[in-house]
Amino acid sequence: MIDEISAGGIVFFKNSILMLKKFNGDWVLPKGRVEENESLKETALREVYEETKAKATPIKYLGKISYEFSRTCYFDK
């Protein structure tokens, strides 16, 4: 199991929520890993900007989600 801390944001714009479509077709919110000496708020703002180019303003902390994942990669030959 991999222990990792990530942060992200829900971006509201004109009564809509901004979602990102991944290469596999899944829809996700912008998020990413916390870098060294970076707060959760700083990470959320950086990730939202890096992934969407949106300059966001934090409104409030919404909570914490815990989940597990693996980094198994499959390659076609």
C-alpha atoms as a PDB file:
ATOM      1  CA  MET A   1       0.000   0.000   0.000  1.00  0.00           C
ATOM      2  CA  ILE A   2       1.174   3.521  -0.773  1.00  0.00           C
ATOM      3  CA  ASP A   3       0.760   6.313   1.797  1.00  0.00           C
ATOM      4  CA  GLU A   4       0.344   9.660   0.118  1.00  0.00           C
ATOM      5  CA  ILE A   5      -1.321  12.974   0.927  1.00  0.00           C
ATOM      6  CA  SER A   6      -3.108  14.840  -1.847  1.00  0.00           C
ATOM      7  CA  ALA A   7      -5.205  17.981  -2.025  1.00  0.00           C
ATOM      8  CA  GLY A   8      -7.515  19.418  -4.632  1.00  0.00           C
ATOM      9  CA  GLY A   9     -10.525  21.553  -5.160  1.00  0.00           C
ATOM     10  CA  ILE A  10     -14.054  21.793  -6.429  1.00  0.00           C
ATOM     11  CA  VAL A  11     -14.172  24.655  -8.928  1.00  0.00           C
ATOM     12  CA  PHE A  12     -17.560  26.368  -9.310  1.00  0.00           C
ATOM     13  CA  PHE A  13     -18.160  28.551 -12.383  1.00  0.00           C
ATOM     14  CA  LYS A  14     -21.537  29.888 -13.557  1.00  0.00           C
ATOM     15  CA  ASN A  15     -23.583  27.268 -11.655  1.00  0.00           C
ATOM     16  CA  SER A  16     -21.353  24.451 -12.936  1.00  0.00           C
ATOM     17  CA  ILE A  17     -18.612  22.314 -11.416  1.00  0.00           C
ATOM     18  CA  LEU A  18     -15.385  21.937 -13.375  1.00  0.00           C
ATOM     19  CA  MET A  19     -14.420  18.285 -13.938  1.00  0.00           C
ATOM     20  CA  LEU A  20     -11.442  16.820 -15.790  1.00  0.00           C
ATOM     21  CA  LYS A  21     -11.716  13.873 -18.188  1.00  0.00           C
ATOM     22  CA  LYS A  22      -8.873  11.373 -17.797  1.00  0.00           C
ATOM     23  CA  PHE A  23      -7.363   9.385 -20.660  1.00  0.00           C
ATOM     24  CA  ASN A  24      -9.448   6.341 -19.657  1.00  0.00           C
ATOM     25  CA  GLY A  25     -12.703   8.326 -19.767  1.00  0.00           C
ATOM     26  CA  ASP A  26     -13.127   8.786 -16.002  1.00  0.00           C
ATOM     27  CA  TRP A  27     -14.205  12.218 -14.731  1.00  0.00           C
ATOM     28  CA  VAL A  28     -12.256  13.602 -11.753  1.00  0.00           C
ATOM     29  CA  LEU A  29     -11.746  16.765  -9.729  1.00  0.00           C
ATOM     30  CA  PRO A  30      -8.350  18.500  -9.965  1.00  0.00           C
ATOM     31  CA  LYS A  31      -5.989  17.234  -7.255  1.00  0.00           C
ATOM     32  CA  GLY A  32      -2.425  16.156  -6.682  1.00  0.00           C
ATOM     33  CA  ARG A  33       0.310  15.331  -4.210  1.00  0.00           C
ATOM     34  CA  VAL A  34       1.375  17.703  -1.478  1.00  0.00           C
ATOM     35  CA  GLU A  35       4.940  18.840  -2.112  1.00  0.00           C
ATOM     36  CA  GLU A  36       7.526  19.266   0.643  1.00  0.00           C
ATOM     37  CA  ASN A  37       6.813  22.257   2.938  1.00  0.00           C
ATOM     38  CA  GLU A  38       3.487  22.946   1.176  1.00  0.00           C
ATOM     39  CA  SER A  39       0.158  23.367   2.985  1.00  0.00           C
ATOM     40  CA  LEU A  40      -3.011  21.592   1.874  1.00  0.00           C
ATOM     41  CA  LYS A  41      -4.442  24.947   0.756  1.00  0.00           C
ATOM     42  CA  GLU A  42      -1.311  25.750  -1.281  1.00  0.00           C
ATOM     43  CA  THR A  43      -1.437  22.300  -2.879  1.00  0.00           C
ATOM     44  CA  ALA A  44      -5.111  22.634  -3.762  1.00  0.00           C
ATOM     45  CA  LEU A  45      -4.584  26.041  -5.386  1.00  0.00           C
ATOM     46  CA  ARG A  46      -1.466  24.869  -7.269  1.00  0.00           C
ATOM     47  CA  GLU A  47      -3.115  21.691  -8.557  1.00  0.00           C
ATOM     48  CA  VAL A  48      -6.277  23.502  -9.660  1.00  0.00           C
ATOM     49  CA  TYR A  49      -4.139  26.001 -11.568  1.00  0.00           C
ATOM     50  CA  GLU A  50      -1.743  23.417 -13.064  1.00  0.00           C
ATOM     51  CA  GLU A  51      -4.562  21.193 -14.290  1.00  0.00           C
ATOM     52  CA  THR A  52      -7.099  23.834 -15.380  1.00  0.00           C
ATOM     53  CA  LYS A  53      -5.316  27.231 -15.546  1.00  0.00           C
ATOM     54  CA  ALA A  54      -8.121  28.530 -13.284  1.00  0.00           C
ATOM     55  CA  LYS A  55      -7.000  31.067 -10.668  1.00  0.00           C
ATOM     56  CA  ALA A  56      -9.181  29.954  -7.780  1.00  0.00           C
ATOM     57  CA  THR A  57     -10.041  31.519  -4.446  1.00  0.00           C
ATOM     58  CA  PRO A  58     -10.551  29.122  -1.526  1.00  0.00           C
ATOM     59  CA  ILE A  59     -13.982  29.353   0.099  1.00  0.00           C
ATOM     60  CA  LYS A  60     -13.787  26.671   2.782  1.00  0.00           C
ATOM     61  CA  TYR A  61     -12.294  23.320   3.713  1.00  0.00           C
ATOM     62  CA  LEU A  62     -14.764  20.566   2.821  1.00  0.00           C
ATOM     63  CA  GLY A  63     -13.218  17.531   4.449  1.00  0.00           C
ATOM     64  CA  LYS A  64     -10.963  14.535   4.114  1.00  0.00           C
ATOM     65  CA  ILE A  65     -11.295  11.389   2.005  1.00  0.00           C
ATOM     66  CA  SER A  66      -9.161   8.294   2.564  1.00  0.00           C
ATOM     67  CA  TYR A  67      -8.706   5.674  -0.137  1.00  0.00           C
ATOM     68  CA  GLU A  68      -6.252   3.015  -1.267  1.00  0.00           C
ATOM     69  CA  PHE A  69      -4.744   2.489  -4.690  1.00  0.00           C
ATOM     70  CA  SER A  70      -1.872   0.657  -6.327  1.00  0.00           C
ATOM     71  CA  ARG A  71       0.475   1.757  -9.048  1.00  0.00           C
ATOM     72  CA  THR A  72       0.374  -1.317 -11.223  1.00  0.00           C
ATOM     73  CA  CYS A  73       1.118  -0.574 -14.860  1.00  0.00           C
ATOM     74  CA  TYR A  74       0.203  -2.825 -17.754  1.00  0.00           C
ATOM     75  CA  PHE A  75       1.871  -2.497 -21.127  1.00  0.00           C
ATOM     76  CA  ASP A  76       0.698  -3.940 -24.442  1.00  0.00           C
ATOM     77  CA  LYS A  77       3.381  -5.522 -26.599  1.00  0.00           C
END
